[in-house]
Amino acid sequence: MKCGNKTIQKYTDDFIEKAMQIEDVTEADLLHDYLRGLPTDIRLAVKRRGVTGIEAVMTVADEEDQLITGERADGGGHAVQQRNTDGPAPMEIDRLSCLYALLHE
């Protein structure tokens, strides 16, 4: 599964939906497949940040997408303010609970 023209958030939601249909999948397999489907610039940014675990990778991928999208919209001339990442955003709760259920069945 590739991200293509989708936002990272949409790609992540679609990925989780498809992953929930697979039996006996490991977190390592999910992580590998998720990273492989990301656009190269996002994948490299996630790897540079050194995060581990599928939930953390998905969160960082979304953050990086927003930063990159913001830079493009801004023309690259101004600093883009990073959002607070002290916890999941309200709209991420359902997505993360689905992922948790998938990994702990």
PDB file of N, CA and C in Angstrom:
ATOM      1  N   MET A   1       0.848  -1.170   0.000  1.00  0.00           N
ATOM      2  CA  MET A   1       0.000   0.000   0.000  1.00  0.00           C
ATOM      3  C   MET A   1       0.896   1.236   0.000  1.00  0.00           C
ATOM      4  N   LYS A   2       0.611   2.146  -0.894  1.00  0.00           N
ATOM      5  CA  LYS A   2       1.394   3.381  -1.020  1.00  0.00           C
ATOM      6  C   LYS A   2       0.541   4.579  -0.624  1.00  0.00           C
ATOM      7  N   CYS A   3       1.203   5.602  -0.141  1.00  0.00           N
ATOM      8  CA  CYS A   3       0.523   6.833   0.266  1.00  0.00           C
ATOM      9  C   CYS A   3      -0.039   7.569  -0.947  1.00  0.00           C
ATOM     10  N   GLY A   4       0.737   7.645  -2.021  1.00  0.00           N
ATOM     11  CA  GLY A   4       0.288   8.340  -3.225  1.00  0.00           C
ATOM     12  C   GLY A   4      -0.018   9.798  -2.954  1.00  0.00           C
ATOM     13  N   ASN A   5      -1.186  10.253  -3.403  1.00  0.00           N
ATOM     14  CA  ASN A   5      -1.573  11.658  -3.226  1.00  0.00           C
ATOM     15  C   ASN A   5      -2.365  11.905  -1.945  1.00  0.00           C
ATOM     16  N   LYS A   6      -2.526  10.883  -1.121  1.00  0.00           N
ATOM     17  CA  LYS A   6      -3.268  11.032   0.131  1.00  0.00           C
ATOM     18  C   LYS A   6      -2.437  11.823   1.142  1.00  0.00           C
ATOM     19  N   THR A   7      -3.128  12.415   2.101  1.00  0.00           N
ATOM     20  CA  THR A   7      -2.407  12.981   3.237  1.00  0.00           C
ATOM     21  C   THR A   7      -1.881  11.815   4.065  1.00  0.00           C
ATOM     22  N   ILE A   8      -0.902  12.081   4.892  1.00  0.00           N
ATOM     23  CA  ILE A   8      -0.365  11.028   5.756  1.00  0.00           C
ATOM     24  C   ILE A   8      -1.444  10.536   6.709  1.00  0.00           C
ATOM     25  N   GLN A   9      -2.281  11.431   7.185  1.00  0.00           N
ATOM     26  CA  GLN A   9      -3.353  11.024   8.091  1.00  0.00           C
ATOM     27  C   GLN A   9      -4.313  10.052   7.398  1.00  0.00           C
ATOM     28  N   LYS A  10      -4.680  10.340   6.160  1.00  0.00           N
ATOM     29  CA  LYS A  10      -5.577   9.451   5.401  1.00  0.00           C
ATOM     30  C   LYS A  10      -4.880   8.125   5.114  1.00  0.00           C
ATOM     31  N   TYR A  11      -3.601   8.173   4.725  1.00  0.00           N
ATOM     32  CA  TYR A  11      -2.830   6.952   4.487  1.00  0.00           C
ATOM     33  C   TYR A  11      -2.791   6.099   5.753  1.00  0.00           C
ATOM     34  N   THR A  12      -2.553   6.738   6.895  1.00  0.00           N
ATOM     35  CA  THR A  12      -2.480   6.014   8.163  1.00  0.00           C
ATOM     36  C   THR A  12      -3.820   5.371   8.493  1.00  0.00           C
ATOM     37  N   ASP A  13      -4.904   6.116   8.334  1.00  0.00           N
ATOM     38  CA  ASP A  13      -6.235   5.558   8.594  1.00  0.00           C
ATOM     39  C   ASP A  13      -6.519   4.365   7.686  1.00  0.00           C
ATOM     40  N   ASP A  14      -6.212   4.489   6.401  1.00  0.00           N
ATOM     41  CA  ASP A  14      -6.418   3.389   5.454  1.00  0.00           C
ATOM     42  C   ASP A  14      -5.532   2.198   5.802  1.00  0.00           C
ATOM     43  N   PHE A  15      -4.287   2.475   6.199  1.00  0.00           N
ATOM     44  CA  PHE A  15      -3.354   1.410   6.558  1.00  0.00           C
ATOM     45  C   PHE A  15      -3.881   0.619   7.753  1.00  0.00           C
ATOM     46  N   ILE A  16      -4.342   1.327   8.782  1.00  0.00           N
ATOM     47  CA  ILE A  16      -4.870   0.650   9.973  1.00  0.00           C
ATOM     48  C   ILE A  16      -6.094  -0.181   9.610  1.00  0.00           C
ATOM     49  N   GLU A  17      -6.967   0.371   8.787  1.00  0.00           N
ATOM     50  CA  GLU A  17      -8.171  -0.360   8.376  1.00  0.00           C
ATOM     51  C   GLU A  17      -7.803  -1.669   7.676  1.00  0.00           C
ATOM     52  N   LYS A  18      -6.832  -1.613   6.773  1.00  0.00           N
ATOM     53  CA  LYS A  18      -6.408  -2.824   6.068  1.00  0.00           C
ATOM     54  C   LYS A  18      -5.655  -3.772   7.001  1.00  0.00           C
ATOM     55  N   ALA A  19      -4.835  -3.224   7.889  1.00  0.00           N
ATOM     56  CA  ALA A  19      -4.057  -4.055   8.809  1.00  0.00           C
ATOM     57  C   ALA A  19      -4.960  -4.831   9.758  1.00  0.00           C
ATOM     58  N   MET A  20      -6.105  -4.256  10.109  1.00  0.00           N
ATOM     59  CA  MET A  20      -7.026  -4.935  11.019  1.00  0.00           C
ATOM     60  C   MET A  20      -7.661  -6.170  10.380  1.00  0.00           C
ATOM     61  N   GLN A  21      -7.573  -6.277   9.068  1.00  0.00           N
ATOM     62  CA  GLN A  21      -8.134  -7.427   8.368  1.00  0.00           C
ATOM     63  C   GLN A  21      -7.143  -8.587   8.271  1.00  0.00           C
ATOM     64  N   ILE A  22      -5.902  -8.350   8.677  1.00  0.00           N
ATOM     65  CA  ILE A  22      -4.855  -9.367   8.575  1.00  0.00           C
ATOM     66  C   ILE A  22      -4.711 -10.072   9.916  1.00  0.00           C
ATOM     67  N   GLU A  23      -4.674 -11.394   9.879  1.00  0.00           N
ATOM     68  CA  GLU A  23      -4.478 -12.169  11.098  1.00  0.00           C
ATOM     69  C   GLU A  23      -2.995 -12.451  11.300  1.00  0.00           C
ATOM     70  N   ASP A  24      -2.610 -12.596  12.551  1.00  0.00           N
ATOM     71  CA  ASP A  24      -1.241 -12.973  12.924  1.00  0.00           C
ATOM     72  C   ASP A  24      -0.185 -12.066  12.311  1.00  0.00           C
ATOM     73  N   VAL A  25      -0.358 -10.770  12.429  1.00  0.00           N
ATOM     74  CA  VAL A  25       0.623  -9.819  11.914  1.00  0.00           C
ATOM     75  C   VAL A  25       1.431  -9.286  13.094  1.00  0.00           C
ATOM     76  N   THR A  26       2.722  -9.129  12.893  1.00  0.00           N
ATOM     77  CA  THR A  26       3.576  -8.605  13.956  1.00  0.00           C
ATOM     78  C   THR A  26       3.722  -7.094  13.819  1.00  0.00           C
ATOM     79  N   GLU A  27       4.096  -6.455  14.912  1.00  0.00           N
ATOM     80  CA  GLU A  27       4.322  -5.013  14.861  1.00  0.00           C
ATOM     81  C   GLU A  27       5.479  -4.696  13.923  1.00  0.00           C
ATOM     82  N   ALA A  28       6.492  -5.559  13.903  1.00  0.00           N
ATOM     83  CA  ALA A  28       7.638  -5.341  13.010  1.00  0.00           C
ATOM     84  C   ALA A  28       7.194  -5.355  11.550  1.00  0.00           C
ATOM     85  N   ASP A  29       6.310  -6.292  11.201  1.00  0.00           N
ATOM     86  CA  ASP A  29       5.798  -6.346   9.826  1.00  0.00           C
ATOM     87  C   ASP A  29       4.979  -5.100   9.492  1.00  0.00           C
ATOM     88  N   LEU A  30       4.129  -4.687  10.432  1.00  0.00           N
ATOM     89  CA  LEU A  30       3.321  -3.484  10.212  1.00  0.00           C
ATOM     90  C   LEU A  30       4.213  -2.262  10.038  1.00  0.00           C
ATOM     91  N   LEU A  31       5.219  -2.154  10.879  1.00  0.00           N
ATOM     92  CA  LEU A  31       6.131  -1.013  10.810  1.00  0.00           C
ATOM     93  C   LEU A  31       6.863  -0.974   9.476  1.00  0.00           C
ATOM     94  N   HIS A  32       7.361  -2.119   9.051  1.00  0.00           N
ATOM     95  CA  HIS A  32       8.075  -2.201   7.770  1.00  0.00           C
ATOM     96  C   HIS A  32       7.163  -1.794   6.609  1.00  0.00           C
ATOM     97  N   ASP A  33       5.964  -2.355   6.581  1.00  0.00           N
ATOM     98  CA  ASP A  33       5.034  -2.059   5.487  1.00  0.00           C
ATOM     99  C   ASP A  33       4.576  -0.601   5.510  1.00  0.00           C
ATOM    100  N   TYR A  34       4.335  -0.074   6.706  1.00  0.00           N
ATOM    101  CA  TYR A  34       3.905   1.323   6.825  1.00  0.00           C
ATOM    102  C   TYR A  34       4.991   2.261   6.308  1.00  0.00           C
ATOM    103  N   LEU A  35       6.218   2.051   6.758  1.00  0.00           N
ATOM    104  CA  LEU A  35       7.331   2.903   6.322  1.00  0.00           C
ATOM    105  C   LEU A  35       7.543   2.812   4.818  1.00  0.00           C
ATOM    106  N   ARG A  36       7.432   1.621   4.281  1.00  0.00           N
ATOM    107  CA  ARG A  36       7.645   1.419   2.844  1.00  0.00           C
ATOM    108  C   ARG A  36       6.636   2.196   2.004  1.00  0.00           C
ATOM    109  N   GLY A  37       5.437   2.399   2.530  1.00  0.00           N
ATOM    110  CA  GLY A  37       4.399   3.109   1.787  1.00  0.00           C
ATOM    111  C   GLY A  37       4.465   4.623   1.883  1.00  0.00           C
ATOM    112  N   LEU A  38       5.301   5.130   2.789  1.00  0.00           N
ATOM    113  CA  LEU A  38       5.410   6.584   2.955  1.00  0.00           C
ATOM    114  C   LEU A  38       6.196   7.210   1.814  1.00  0.00           C
ATOM    115  N   PRO A  39       5.920   8.470   1.504  1.00  0.00           N
ATOM    116  CA  PRO A  39       6.770   9.189   0.541  1.00  0.00           C
ATOM    117  C   PRO A  39       8.206   9.238   1.077  1.00  0.00           C
ATOM    118  N   THR A  40       9.169   9.247   0.186  1.00  0.00           N
ATOM    119  CA  THR A  40      10.575   9.170   0.581  1.00  0.00           C
ATOM    120  C   THR A  40      10.969  10.253   1.573  1.00  0.00           C
ATOM    121  N   ASP A  41      10.556  11.498   1.340  1.00  0.00           N
ATOM    122  CA  ASP A  41      10.968  12.576   2.247  1.00  0.00           C
ATOM    123  C   ASP A  41      10.418  12.386   3.657  1.00  0.00           C
ATOM    124  N   ILE A  42       9.198  11.895   3.762  1.00  0.00           N
ATOM    125  CA  ILE A  42       8.599  11.637   5.076  1.00  0.00           C
ATOM    126  C   ILE A  42       9.293  10.448   5.738  1.00  0.00           C
ATOM    127  N   ARG A  43       9.504   9.378   4.981  1.00  0.00           N
ATOM    128  CA  ARG A  43      10.164   8.180   5.519  1.00  0.00           C
ATOM    129  C   ARG A  43      11.549   8.529   6.073  1.00  0.00           C
ATOM    130  N   LEU A  44      12.326   9.295   5.321  1.00  0.00           N
ATOM    131  CA  LEU A  44      13.669   9.669   5.774  1.00  0.00           C
ATOM    132  C   LEU A  44      13.613  10.554   7.018  1.00  0.00           C
ATOM    133  N   ALA A  45      12.661  11.461   7.065  1.00  0.00           N
ATOM    134  CA  ALA A  45      12.511  12.331   8.239  1.00  0.00           C
ATOM    135  C   ALA A  45      12.154  11.518   9.479  1.00  0.00           C
ATOM    136  N   VAL A  46      11.280  10.527   9.315  1.00  0.00           N
ATOM    137  CA  VAL A  46      10.896   9.658  10.435  1.00  0.00           C
ATOM    138  C   VAL A  46      12.114   8.879  10.920  1.00  0.00           C
ATOM    139  N   LYS A  47      12.880   8.335   9.992  1.00  0.00           N
ATOM    140  CA  LYS A  47      14.068   7.565  10.375  1.00  0.00           C
ATOM    141  C   LYS A  47      15.100   8.449  11.071  1.00  0.00           C
ATOM    142  N   ARG A  48      15.258   9.687  10.610  1.00  0.00           N
ATOM    143  CA  ARG A  48      16.204  10.613  11.249  1.00  0.00           C
ATOM    144  C   ARG A  48      15.810  10.906  12.690  1.00  0.00           C
ATOM    145  N   ARG A  49      14.525  10.940  12.961  1.00  0.00           N
ATOM    146  CA  ARG A  49      14.058  11.244  14.325  1.00  0.00           C
ATOM    147  C   ARG A  49      14.271  10.064  15.265  1.00  0.00           C
ATOM    148  N   GLY A  50      14.527   8.878  14.714  1.00  0.00           N
ATOM    149  CA  GLY A  50      14.887   7.719  15.529  1.00  0.00           C
ATOM    150  C   GLY A  50      13.779   7.153  16.397  1.00  0.00           C
ATOM    151  N   VAL A  51      12.541   7.347  16.005  1.00  0.00           N
ATOM    152  CA  VAL A  51      11.437   6.810  16.806  1.00  0.00           C
ATOM    153  C   VAL A  51      11.268   5.323  16.533  1.00  0.00           C
ATOM    154  N   THR A  52      10.761   4.624  17.523  1.00  0.00           N
ATOM    155  CA  THR A  52      10.490   3.199  17.372  1.00  0.00           C
ATOM    156  C   THR A  52       9.042   2.945  17.769  1.00  0.00           C
ATOM    157  N   GLY A  53       8.501   1.877  17.285  1.00  0.00           N
ATOM    158  CA  GLY A  53       7.113   1.546  17.575  1.00  0.00           C
ATOM    159  C   GLY A  53       6.189   2.165  16.544  1.00  0.00           C
ATOM    160  N   ILE A  54       5.219   1.397  16.135  1.00  0.00           N
ATOM    161  CA  ILE A  54       4.336   1.802  15.051  1.00  0.00           C
ATOM    162  C   ILE A  54       3.539   3.061  15.403  1.00  0.00           C
ATOM    163  N   GLU A  55       3.059   3.161  16.640  1.00  0.00           N
ATOM    164  CA  GLU A  55       2.266   4.337  17.022  1.00  0.00           C
ATOM    165  C   GLU A  55       3.106   5.607  16.946  1.00  0.00           C
ATOM    166  N   ALA A  56       4.325   5.545  17.463  1.00  0.00           N
ATOM    167  CA  ALA A  56       5.214   6.714  17.438  1.00  0.00           C
ATOM    168  C   ALA A  56       5.580   7.084  16.008  1.00  0.00           C
ATOM    169  N   VAL A  57       5.832   6.085  15.179  1.00  0.00           N
ATOM    170  CA  VAL A  57       6.184   6.339  13.782  1.00  0.00           C
ATOM    171  C   VAL A  57       5.028   7.020  13.059  1.00  0.00           C
ATOM    172  N   MET A  58       3.806   6.555  13.298  1.00  0.00           N
ATOM    173  CA  MET A  58       2.641   7.165  12.655  1.00  0.00           C
ATOM    174  C   MET A  58       2.456   8.614  13.093  1.00  0.00           C
ATOM    175  N   THR A  59       2.670   8.876  14.366  1.00  0.00           N
ATOM    176  CA  THR A  59       2.538  10.237  14.883  1.00  0.00           C
ATOM    177  C   THR A  59       3.588  11.155  14.273  1.00  0.00           C
ATOM    178  N   VAL A  60       4.834  10.688  14.235  1.00  0.00           N
ATOM    179  CA  VAL A  60       5.924  11.496  13.679  1.00  0.00           C
ATOM    180  C   VAL A  60       5.730  11.708  12.180  1.00  0.00           C
ATOM    181  N   ALA A  61       5.262  10.688  11.473  1.00  0.00           N
ATOM    182  CA  ALA A  61       5.016  10.831  10.033  1.00  0.00           C
ATOM    183  C   ALA A  61       3.977  11.924   9.784  1.00  0.00           C
ATOM    184  N   ASP A  62       2.931  11.948  10.595  1.00  0.00           N
ATOM    185  CA  ASP A  62       1.903  12.981  10.456  1.00  0.00           C
ATOM    186  C   ASP A  62       2.482  14.364  10.764  1.00  0.00           C
ATOM    187  N   GLU A  63       3.301  14.463  11.813  1.00  0.00           N
ATOM    188  CA  GLU A  63       3.938  15.743  12.150  1.00  0.00           C
ATOM    189  C   GLU A  63       4.832  16.224  11.012  1.00  0.00           C
ATOM    190  N   GLU A  64       5.642  15.319  10.479  1.00  0.00           N
ATOM    191  CA  GLU A  64       6.552  15.686   9.391  1.00  0.00           C
ATOM    192  C   GLU A  64       5.773  16.120   8.152  1.00  0.00           C
ATOM    193  N   ASP A  65       4.673  15.434   7.864  1.00  0.00           N
ATOM    194  CA  ASP A  65       3.840  15.809   6.723  1.00  0.00           C
ATOM    195  C   ASP A  65       3.297  17.225   6.907  1.00  0.00           C
ATOM    196  N   GLN A  66       2.845  17.534   8.102  1.00  0.00           N
ATOM    197  CA  GLN A  66       2.314  18.874   8.365  1.00  0.00           C
ATOM    198  C   GLN A  66       3.408  19.929   8.255  1.00  0.00           C
ATOM    199  N   LEU A  67       4.604  19.610   8.732  1.00  0.00           N
ATOM    200  CA  LEU A  67       5.720  20.554   8.613  1.00  0.00           C
ATOM    201  C   LEU A  67       6.077  20.793   7.154  1.00  0.00           C
ATOM    202  N   ILE A  68       6.181  19.712   6.393  1.00  0.00           N
ATOM    203  CA  ILE A  68       6.547  19.827   4.978  1.00  0.00           C
ATOM    204  C   ILE A  68       5.451  20.546   4.203  1.00  0.00           C
ATOM    205  N   THR A  69       4.208  20.194   4.459  1.00  0.00           N
ATOM    206  CA  THR A  69       3.087  20.846   3.789  1.00  0.00           C
ATOM    207  C   THR A  69       3.056  22.329   4.137  1.00  0.00           C
ATOM    208  N   GLY A  70       3.325  22.661   5.380  1.00  0.00           N
ATOM    209  CA  GLY A  70       3.361  24.052   5.808  1.00  0.00           C
ATOM    210  C   GLY A  70       4.476  24.821   5.128  1.00  0.00           C
ATOM    211  N   GLU A  71       5.632  24.188   4.964  1.00  0.00           N
ATOM    212  CA  GLU A  71       6.755  24.837   4.287  1.00  0.00           C
ATOM    213  C   GLU A  71       6.424  25.094   2.824  1.00  0.00           C
ATOM    214  N   ARG A  72       5.760  24.144   2.179  1.00  0.00           N
ATOM    215  CA  ARG A  72       5.381  24.330   0.774  1.00  0.00           C
ATOM    216  C   ARG A  72       4.378  25.469   0.641  1.00  0.00           C
ATOM    217  N   ALA A  73       3.396  25.489   1.527  1.00  0.00           N
ATOM    218  CA  ALA A  73       2.364  26.525   1.464  1.00  0.00           C
ATOM    219  C   ALA A  73       2.955  27.899   1.772  1.00  0.00           C
ATOM    220  N   ASP A  74       3.977  27.915   2.609  1.00  0.00           N
ATOM    221  CA  ASP A  74       4.611  29.164   3.014  1.00  0.00           C
ATOM    222  C   ASP A  74       5.669  29.605   2.011  1.00  0.00           C
ATOM    223  N   GLY A  75       5.978  28.777   1.061  1.00  0.00           N
ATOM    224  CA  GLY A  75       7.008  29.102   0.086  1.00  0.00           C
ATOM    225  C   GLY A  75       8.407  28.834   0.590  1.00  0.00           C
ATOM    226  N   GLY A  76       8.515  28.228   1.758  1.00  0.00           N
ATOM    227  CA  GLY A  76       9.818  27.895   2.306  1.00  0.00           C
ATOM    228  C   GLY A  76      10.563  29.078   2.881  1.00  0.00           C
ATOM    229  N   GLY A  77       9.955  30.254   2.904  1.00  0.00           N
ATOM    230  CA  GLY A  77      10.657  31.444   3.339  1.00  0.00           C
ATOM    231  C   GLY A  77      10.535  31.766   4.815  1.00  0.00           C
ATOM    232  N   HIS A  78       9.622  31.156   5.510  1.00  0.00           N
ATOM    233  CA  HIS A  78       9.412  31.465   6.918  1.00  0.00           C
ATOM    234  C   HIS A  78       9.441  30.188   7.736  1.00  0.00           C
ATOM    235  N   ALA A  79       9.822  30.326   8.975  1.00  0.00           N
ATOM    236  CA  ALA A  79       9.834  29.168   9.870  1.00  0.00           C
ATOM    237  C   ALA A  79       8.396  28.740  10.136  1.00  0.00           C
ATOM    238  N   VAL A  80       8.194  27.453  10.181  1.00  0.00           N
ATOM    239  CA  VAL A  80       6.875  26.910  10.468  1.00  0.00           C
ATOM    240  C   VAL A  80       6.856  26.508  11.927  1.00  0.00           C
ATOM    241  N   GLN A  81       5.869  26.970  12.647  1.00  0.00           N
ATOM    242  CA  GLN A  81       5.783  26.665  14.058  1.00  0.00           C
ATOM    243  C   GLN A  81       5.321  25.228  14.237  1.00  0.00           C
ATOM    244  N   GLN A  82       6.056  24.479  15.062  1.00  0.00           N
ATOM    245  CA  GLN A  82       5.706  23.084  15.299  1.00  0.00           C
ATOM    246  C   GLN A  82       4.632  23.021  16.373  1.00  0.00           C
ATOM    247  N   ARG A  83       3.695  22.111  16.189  1.00  0.00           N
ATOM    248  CA  ARG A  83       2.617  21.995  17.156  1.00  0.00           C
ATOM    249  C   ARG A  83       3.088  21.260  18.409  1.00  0.00           C
ATOM    250  N   ASN A  84       2.343  21.395  19.462  1.00  0.00           N
ATOM    251  CA  ASN A  84       2.631  20.726  20.717  1.00  0.00           C
ATOM    252  C   ASN A  84       2.371  19.234  20.550  1.00  0.00           C
ATOM    253  N   THR A  85       3.357  18.414  20.907  1.00  0.00           N
ATOM    254  CA  THR A  85       3.206  16.963  20.736  1.00  0.00           C
ATOM    255  C   THR A  85       3.279  16.246  22.076  1.00  0.00           C
ATOM    256  N   ASP A  86       2.809  16.894  23.135  1.00  0.00           N
ATOM    257  CA  ASP A  86       2.855  16.281  24.458  1.00  0.00           C
ATOM    258  C   ASP A  86       1.896  15.108  24.599  1.00  0.00           C
ATOM    259  N   GLY A  87       0.987  14.949  23.696  1.00  0.00           N
ATOM    260  CA  GLY A  87       0.036  13.850  23.758  1.00  0.00           C
ATOM    261  C   GLY A  87      -0.721  13.765  22.457  1.00  0.00           C
ATOM    262  N   PRO A  88      -1.538  12.719  22.300  1.00  0.00           N
ATOM    263  CA  PRO A  88      -2.275  12.582  21.043  1.00  0.00           C
ATOM    264  C   PRO A  88      -3.328  13.677  20.902  1.00  0.00           C
ATOM    265  N   ALA A  89      -3.502  14.115  19.687  1.00  0.00           N
ATOM    266  CA  ALA A  89      -4.565  15.072  19.404  1.00  0.00           C
ATOM    267  C   ALA A  89      -5.891  14.341  19.528  1.00  0.00           C
ATOM    268  N   PRO A  90      -6.967  15.024  19.868  1.00  0.00           N
ATOM    269  CA  PRO A  90      -8.250  14.347  20.061  1.00  0.00           C
ATOM    270  C   PRO A  90      -8.657  13.460  18.895  1.00  0.00           C
ATOM    271  N   MET A  91      -8.382  13.866  17.663  1.00  0.00           N
ATOM    272  CA  MET A  91      -8.802  13.050  16.533  1.00  0.00           C
ATOM    273  C   MET A  91      -7.933  11.812  16.352  1.00  0.00           C
ATOM    274  N   GLU A  92      -6.785  11.726  17.039  1.00  0.00           N
ATOM    275  CA  GLU A  92      -5.915  10.570  16.921  1.00  0.00           C
ATOM    276  C   GLU A  92      -6.311   9.448  17.870  1.00  0.00           C
ATOM    277  N   ILE A  93      -7.122   9.727  18.868  1.00  0.00           N
ATOM    278  CA  ILE A  93      -7.450   8.752  19.892  1.00  0.00           C
ATOM    279  C   ILE A  93      -8.085   7.505  19.289  1.00  0.00           C
ATOM    280  N   ASP A  94      -9.079   7.658  18.429  1.00  0.00           N
ATOM    281  CA  ASP A  94      -9.751   6.504  17.846  1.00  0.00           C
ATOM    282  C   ASP A  94      -8.794   5.692  16.992  1.00  0.00           C
ATOM    283  N   ARG A  95      -7.964   6.356  16.227  1.00  0.00           N
ATOM    284  CA  ARG A  95      -7.013   5.673  15.362  1.00  0.00           C
ATOM    285  C   ARG A  95      -6.032   4.858  16.195  1.00  0.00           C
ATOM    286  N   LEU A  96      -5.526   5.434  17.284  1.00  0.00           N
ATOM    287  CA  LEU A  96      -4.564   4.731  18.122  1.00  0.00           C
ATOM    288  C   LEU A  96      -5.217   3.587  18.886  1.00  0.00           C
ATOM    289  N   SER A  97      -6.479   3.744  19.284  1.00  0.00           N
ATOM    290  CA  SER A  97      -7.149   2.654  19.984  1.00  0.00           C
ATOM    291  C   SER A  97      -7.386   1.476  19.043  1.00  0.00           C
ATOM    292  N   CYS A  98      -7.666   1.740  17.771  1.00  0.00           N
ATOM    293  CA  CYS A  98      -7.804   0.659  16.784  1.00  0.00           C
ATOM    294  C   CYS A  98      -6.477  -0.062  16.612  1.00  0.00           C
ATOM    295  N   LEU A  99      -5.406   0.693  16.537  1.00  0.00           N
ATOM    296  CA  LEU A  99      -4.087   0.102  16.378  1.00  0.00           C
ATOM    297  C   LEU A  99      -3.722  -0.719  17.606  1.00  0.00           C
ATOM    298  N   TYR A 100      -4.006  -0.206  18.790  1.00  0.00           N
ATOM    299  CA  TYR A 100      -3.726  -0.935  20.025  1.00  0.00           C
ATOM    300  C   TYR A 100      -4.486  -2.260  20.035  1.00  0.00           C
ATOM    301  N   ALA A 101      -5.755  -2.215  19.660  1.00  0.00           N
ATOM    302  CA  ALA A 101      -6.560  -3.437  19.627  1.00  0.00           C
ATOM    303  C   ALA A 101      -5.983  -4.442  18.640  1.00  0.00           C
ATOM    304  N   LEU A 102      -5.513  -3.962  17.512  1.00  0.00           N
ATOM    305  CA  LEU A 102      -4.931  -4.834  16.501  1.00  0.00           C
ATOM    306  C   LEU A 102      -3.686  -5.529  17.031  1.00  0.00           C
ATOM    307  N   LEU A 103      -2.838  -4.800  17.730  1.00  0.00           N
ATOM    308  CA  LEU A 103      -1.564  -5.349  18.192  1.00  0.00           C
ATOM    309  C   LEU A 103      -1.688  -6.195  19.450  1.00  0.00           C
ATOM    310  N   HIS A 104      -2.801  -6.101  20.162  1.00  0.00           N
ATOM    311  CA  HIS A 104      -2.940  -6.817  21.427  1.00  0.00           C
ATOM    312  C   HIS A 104      -4.081  -7.825  21.421  1.00  0.00           C
ATOM    313  N   GLU A 105      -4.383  -8.359  20.261  1.00  0.00           N
ATOM    314  CA  GLU A 105      -5.455  -9.376  20.177  1.00  0.00           C
ATOM    315  C   GLU A 105      -4.940 -10.706  20.648  1.00  0.00           C
TER     316      GLU A 105
END
